[in-house]
Amino acid sequence: MTTYLITVPGTFTTATGADARAELTRALRPADPHRTRMGSAEDLDVLTVNEDDTFTIRLTVEADSRSRAEQDARHLAESALRAAGLDADEAPLGPVVITGIDSGA
């Protein structure tokens, strides 16, 4: 298995309060990039929200292929958004991007 660091961009289209953002961060915690050498070296936060309500989710995923890692990351991001009470219209996601790979070699 390979560890992938994946970035998922999105936009909050409705006002999202601190509680929803905190819940989103909690829901993403199991895939926090700080748990990897890549994430701790780069000091990557699992969730970054910009002033214009765009956001970036950074996740680590263990998978046997790039396509599987991308699918799993999108699923994790969508599940975390739902756990925070946000649907696909309130927080649409952009394309998933693999930003790091650690094969352990």
N, C-alpha and C. Protein backbone atom coordinates (compact mmCIF):
# COMPACT_ATOMS: atom_id res chain seq x y z
N MET A 1 0.84 -1.19 0.00
CA MET A 1 0.00 0.00 0.00
C MET A 1 0.88 1.25 0.00
N THR A 2 0.34 2.26 -0.59
CA THR A 2 1.03 3.54 -0.70
C THR A 2 0.21 4.60 0.03
N THR A 3 0.90 5.53 0.68
CA THR A 3 0.23 6.65 1.33
C THR A 3 0.22 7.83 0.37
N TYR A 4 -0.96 8.35 0.12
CA TYR A 4 -1.14 9.50 -0.76
C TYR A 4 -1.58 10.70 0.07
N LEU A 5 -0.99 11.83 -0.21
CA LEU A 5 -1.45 13.10 0.34
C LEU A 5 -2.31 13.74 -0.74
N ILE A 6 -3.55 14.03 -0.40
CA ILE A 6 -4.51 14.48 -1.40
C ILE A 6 -5.13 15.80 -0.98
N THR A 7 -5.29 16.70 -1.94
CA THR A 7 -5.91 17.99 -1.72
C THR A 7 -7.26 18.00 -2.44
N VAL A 8 -8.28 18.43 -1.71
CA VAL A 8 -9.62 18.54 -2.27
C VAL A 8 -10.10 19.98 -2.04
N PRO A 9 -10.22 20.77 -3.11
CA PRO A 9 -10.71 22.15 -2.94
C PRO A 9 -12.23 22.19 -2.94
N GLY A 10 -12.78 23.26 -2.40
CA GLY A 10 -14.23 23.44 -2.42
C GLY A 10 -14.59 24.87 -2.09
N THR A 11 -15.89 25.12 -2.08
CA THR A 11 -16.40 26.45 -1.78
C THR A 11 -17.65 26.32 -0.91
N PHE A 12 -17.68 27.09 0.17
CA PHE A 12 -18.90 27.18 0.95
C PHE A 12 -19.81 28.18 0.25
N THR A 13 -20.99 27.74 -0.17
CA THR A 13 -21.91 28.63 -0.88
C THR A 13 -22.94 29.26 0.05
N THR A 14 -22.98 28.81 1.30
CA THR A 14 -23.84 29.40 2.31
C THR A 14 -22.97 29.74 3.52
N ALA A 15 -23.47 30.58 4.37
CA ALA A 15 -22.73 30.94 5.58
C ALA A 15 -22.49 29.69 6.42
N THR A 16 -21.24 29.47 6.77
CA THR A 16 -20.89 28.32 7.59
C THR A 16 -20.26 28.82 8.87
N GLY A 17 -20.88 28.51 9.96
CA GLY A 17 -20.41 29.00 11.25
C GLY A 17 -19.24 28.21 11.78
N ALA A 18 -18.71 28.69 12.87
CA ALA A 18 -17.56 28.05 13.52
C ALA A 18 -17.89 26.63 13.95
N ASP A 19 -19.12 26.39 14.38
CA ASP A 19 -19.50 25.04 14.82
C ASP A 19 -19.42 24.03 13.67
N ALA A 20 -19.93 24.42 12.51
CA ALA A 20 -19.90 23.52 11.35
C ALA A 20 -18.46 23.26 10.91
N ARG A 21 -17.64 24.29 10.94
CA ARG A 21 -16.23 24.12 10.56
C ARG A 21 -15.49 23.25 11.56
N ALA A 22 -15.80 23.41 12.85
CA ALA A 22 -15.17 22.57 13.87
C ALA A 22 -15.60 21.11 13.70
N GLU A 23 -16.87 20.89 13.41
CA GLU A 23 -17.35 19.52 13.18
C GLU A 23 -16.71 18.92 11.94
N LEU A 24 -16.55 19.71 10.90
CA LEU A 24 -15.88 19.24 9.69
C LEU A 24 -14.45 18.83 9.99
N THR A 25 -13.74 19.64 10.75
CA THR A 25 -12.37 19.32 11.12
C THR A 25 -12.32 18.03 11.93
N ARG A 26 -13.25 17.86 12.88
CA ARG A 26 -13.30 16.62 13.68
C ARG A 26 -13.55 15.41 12.79
N ALA A 27 -14.46 15.55 11.83
CA ALA A 27 -14.79 14.43 10.94
C ALA A 27 -13.61 14.06 10.04
N LEU A 28 -12.77 15.03 9.73
CA LEU A 28 -11.60 14.77 8.87
C LEU A 28 -10.39 14.26 9.65
N ARG A 29 -10.41 14.39 10.96
CA ARG A 29 -9.24 14.08 11.80
C ARG A 29 -8.60 12.72 11.52
N PRO A 30 -9.36 11.64 11.27
CA PRO A 30 -8.69 10.35 11.03
C PRO A 30 -7.76 10.35 9.81
N ALA A 31 -7.98 11.26 8.87
CA ALA A 31 -7.15 11.32 7.67
C ALA A 31 -6.21 12.53 7.69
N ASP A 32 -5.97 13.08 8.89
CA ASP A 32 -5.14 14.27 9.06
C ASP A 32 -3.73 14.03 8.50
N PRO A 33 -3.24 14.91 7.64
CA PRO A 33 -1.91 14.72 7.06
C PRO A 33 -0.76 14.87 8.07
N HIS A 34 -1.02 15.45 9.24
CA HIS A 34 0.03 15.57 10.25
C HIS A 34 0.52 14.19 10.72
N ARG A 35 -0.25 13.17 10.46
CA ARG A 35 0.14 11.81 10.89
C ARG A 35 1.16 11.16 9.96
N THR A 36 1.55 11.87 8.91
CA THR A 36 2.54 11.32 7.98
C THR A 36 3.79 12.17 7.98
N ARG A 37 4.87 11.62 7.45
CA ARG A 37 6.10 12.39 7.33
C ARG A 37 5.89 13.60 6.43
N MET A 38 5.11 13.42 5.36
CA MET A 38 4.86 14.52 4.43
C MET A 38 4.10 15.65 5.11
N GLY A 39 3.06 15.30 5.83
CA GLY A 39 2.21 16.31 6.45
C GLY A 39 2.88 17.03 7.59
N SER A 40 3.64 16.32 8.41
CA SER A 40 4.29 17.00 9.52
C SER A 40 5.46 17.84 9.04
N ALA A 41 6.13 17.41 8.00
CA ALA A 41 7.25 18.19 7.47
C ALA A 41 6.76 19.48 6.84
N GLU A 42 5.62 19.44 6.20
CA GLU A 42 5.05 20.61 5.53
C GLU A 42 4.10 21.39 6.43
N ASP A 43 3.79 20.85 7.63
CA ASP A 43 2.84 21.45 8.56
C ASP A 43 1.51 21.75 7.88
N LEU A 44 0.93 20.73 7.26
CA LEU A 44 -0.31 20.88 6.52
C LEU A 44 -1.52 20.69 7.44
N ASP A 45 -2.44 21.62 7.37
CA ASP A 45 -3.68 21.52 8.12
C ASP A 45 -4.69 20.71 7.33
N VAL A 46 -5.53 19.98 8.04
CA VAL A 46 -6.55 19.17 7.38
C VAL A 46 -7.60 20.04 6.70
N LEU A 47 -7.86 21.24 7.25
CA LEU A 47 -8.84 22.14 6.66
C LEU A 47 -8.31 23.57 6.71
N THR A 48 -8.34 24.23 5.57
CA THR A 48 -7.99 25.65 5.48
C THR A 48 -9.16 26.36 4.82
N VAL A 49 -9.64 27.43 5.45
CA VAL A 49 -10.74 28.21 4.89
C VAL A 49 -10.23 29.62 4.61
N ASN A 50 -10.48 30.09 3.39
CA ASN A 50 -10.05 31.42 2.98
C ASN A 50 -11.16 32.45 3.19
N GLU A 51 -10.81 33.71 3.12
CA GLU A 51 -11.77 34.80 3.34
C GLU A 51 -12.92 34.79 2.33
N ASP A 52 -12.69 34.26 1.14
CA ASP A 52 -13.72 34.23 0.11
C ASP A 52 -14.59 32.97 0.17
N ASP A 53 -14.51 32.24 1.28
CA ASP A 53 -15.28 31.02 1.53
C ASP A 53 -14.85 29.83 0.69
N THR A 54 -13.73 29.93 -0.01
CA THR A 54 -13.16 28.73 -0.62
C THR A 54 -12.42 27.99 0.49
N PHE A 55 -12.28 26.70 0.33
CA PHE A 55 -11.57 25.92 1.35
C PHE A 55 -10.74 24.83 0.69
N THR A 56 -9.79 24.33 1.46
CA THR A 56 -8.95 23.24 1.02
C THR A 56 -8.94 22.18 2.10
N ILE A 57 -9.25 20.95 1.70
CA ILE A 57 -9.17 19.80 2.59
C ILE A 57 -7.93 19.02 2.17
N ARG A 58 -7.09 18.68 3.14
CA ARG A 58 -5.91 17.86 2.86
C ARG A 58 -6.04 16.56 3.65
N LEU A 59 -5.92 15.45 2.94
CA LEU A 59 -6.13 14.13 3.53
C LEU A 59 -4.99 13.19 3.19
N THR A 60 -4.79 12.22 4.05
CA THR A 60 -3.92 11.11 3.69
C THR A 60 -4.79 9.88 3.50
N VAL A 61 -4.45 9.14 2.47
CA VAL A 61 -5.21 7.95 2.12
C VAL A 61 -4.22 6.84 1.80
N GLU A 62 -4.49 5.67 2.34
CA GLU A 62 -3.71 4.47 2.00
C GLU A 62 -4.46 3.75 0.89
N ALA A 63 -3.81 3.51 -0.23
CA ALA A 63 -4.46 2.84 -1.35
C ALA A 63 -3.43 2.13 -2.21
N ASP A 64 -3.93 1.22 -3.05
CA ASP A 64 -3.03 0.47 -3.92
C ASP A 64 -2.89 1.10 -5.30
N SER A 65 -3.63 2.19 -5.57
CA SER A 65 -3.50 2.87 -6.86
C SER A 65 -3.90 4.34 -6.70
N ARG A 66 -3.45 5.14 -7.65
CA ARG A 66 -3.79 6.57 -7.64
C ARG A 66 -5.29 6.78 -7.77
N SER A 67 -5.91 6.04 -8.67
CA SER A 67 -7.35 6.24 -8.88
C SER A 67 -8.14 5.86 -7.64
N ARG A 68 -7.73 4.79 -6.97
CA ARG A 68 -8.41 4.39 -5.74
C ARG A 68 -8.21 5.44 -4.65
N ALA A 69 -7.02 5.99 -4.55
CA ALA A 69 -6.74 7.04 -3.56
C ALA A 69 -7.61 8.26 -3.81
N GLU A 70 -7.76 8.66 -5.06
CA GLU A 70 -8.60 9.81 -5.40
C GLU A 70 -10.06 9.55 -5.05
N GLN A 71 -10.55 8.35 -5.36
CA GLN A 71 -11.93 7.99 -5.03
C GLN A 71 -12.16 8.01 -3.52
N ASP A 72 -11.22 7.40 -2.78
CA ASP A 72 -11.35 7.34 -1.33
C ASP A 72 -11.31 8.73 -0.70
N ALA A 73 -10.45 9.59 -1.22
CA ALA A 73 -10.34 10.95 -0.68
C ALA A 73 -11.64 11.73 -0.92
N ARG A 74 -12.19 11.62 -2.11
CA ARG A 74 -13.46 12.31 -2.39
C ARG A 74 -14.56 11.79 -1.46
N HIS A 75 -14.61 10.47 -1.27
CA HIS A 75 -15.61 9.89 -0.39
C HIS A 75 -15.43 10.39 1.04
N LEU A 76 -14.19 10.43 1.54
CA LEU A 76 -13.92 10.93 2.89
C LEU A 76 -14.35 12.39 3.04
N ALA A 77 -14.01 13.21 2.06
CA ALA A 77 -14.37 14.63 2.11
C ALA A 77 -15.89 14.81 2.10
N GLU A 78 -16.58 14.09 1.23
CA GLU A 78 -18.04 14.19 1.15
C GLU A 78 -18.69 13.72 2.45
N SER A 79 -18.19 12.63 3.03
CA SER A 79 -18.74 12.12 4.28
C SER A 79 -18.52 13.10 5.43
N ALA A 80 -17.35 13.72 5.47
CA ALA A 80 -17.06 14.70 6.52
C ALA A 80 -17.96 15.93 6.39
N LEU A 81 -18.19 16.37 5.16
CA LEU A 81 -19.09 17.51 4.95
C LEU A 81 -20.51 17.18 5.40
N ARG A 82 -20.97 15.97 5.08
CA ARG A 82 -22.31 15.56 5.54
C ARG A 82 -22.37 15.49 7.05
N ALA A 83 -21.30 15.00 7.69
CA ALA A 83 -21.26 14.94 9.16
C ALA A 83 -21.34 16.33 9.78
N ALA A 84 -20.86 17.31 9.04
CA ALA A 84 -20.91 18.70 9.52
C ALA A 84 -22.22 19.38 9.15
N GLY A 85 -23.14 18.63 8.54
CA GLY A 85 -24.44 19.17 8.18
C GLY A 85 -24.47 19.93 6.87
N LEU A 86 -23.48 19.70 6.01
CA LEU A 86 -23.39 20.41 4.73
C LEU A 86 -23.62 19.42 3.59
N ASP A 87 -24.44 19.84 2.62
CA ASP A 87 -24.66 18.96 1.47
C ASP A 87 -23.84 19.45 0.28
N ALA A 88 -23.96 18.77 -0.84
CA ALA A 88 -23.15 19.06 -2.02
C ALA A 88 -23.44 20.44 -2.60
N ASP A 89 -24.63 20.98 -2.37
CA ASP A 89 -24.95 22.32 -2.86
C ASP A 89 -24.36 23.40 -1.95
N GLU A 90 -24.23 23.11 -0.67
CA GLU A 90 -23.71 24.09 0.29
C GLU A 90 -22.18 24.10 0.32
N ALA A 91 -21.56 23.03 -0.15
CA ALA A 91 -20.10 22.94 -0.16
C ALA A 91 -19.64 22.06 -1.32
N PRO A 92 -19.81 22.56 -2.56
CA PRO A 92 -19.37 21.76 -3.70
C PRO A 92 -17.85 21.60 -3.71
N LEU A 93 -17.42 20.43 -4.14
CA LEU A 93 -15.99 20.12 -4.18
C LEU A 93 -15.45 20.24 -5.60
N GLY A 94 -14.20 20.62 -5.69
CA GLY A 94 -13.51 20.69 -6.97
C GLY A 94 -12.78 19.37 -7.24
N PRO A 95 -11.93 19.37 -8.24
CA PRO A 95 -11.21 18.14 -8.59
C PRO A 95 -10.18 17.76 -7.51
N VAL A 96 -10.11 16.47 -7.27
CA VAL A 96 -9.15 15.91 -6.31
C VAL A 96 -7.76 15.93 -6.93
N VAL A 97 -6.76 16.33 -6.16
CA VAL A 97 -5.39 16.41 -6.67
C VAL A 97 -4.46 15.67 -5.70
N ILE A 98 -3.66 14.76 -6.24
CA ILE A 98 -2.64 14.09 -5.44
C ILE A 98 -1.45 15.03 -5.35
N THR A 99 -1.08 15.40 -4.11
CA THR A 99 0.00 16.36 -3.93
C THR A 99 1.23 15.73 -3.28
N GLY A 100 1.15 14.47 -2.94
CA GLY A 100 2.31 13.78 -2.38
C GLY A 100 2.09 12.29 -2.36
N ILE A 101 3.18 11.53 -2.49
CA ILE A 101 3.13 10.08 -2.49
C ILE A 101 4.29 9.57 -1.64
N ASP A 102 3.98 8.66 -0.72
CA ASP A 102 5.01 8.03 0.11
C ASP A 102 4.82 6.52 -0.01
N SER A 103 5.69 5.89 -0.78
CA SER A 103 5.58 4.44 -0.98
C SER A 103 6.31 3.67 0.10
N GLY A 104 6.95 4.37 1.03
CA GLY A 104 7.64 3.71 2.11
C GLY A 104 8.99 3.14 1.70
N ALA A 105 9.40 3.37 0.49
CA ALA A 105 10.67 2.84 0.00
C ALA A 105 11.82 3.75 0.33
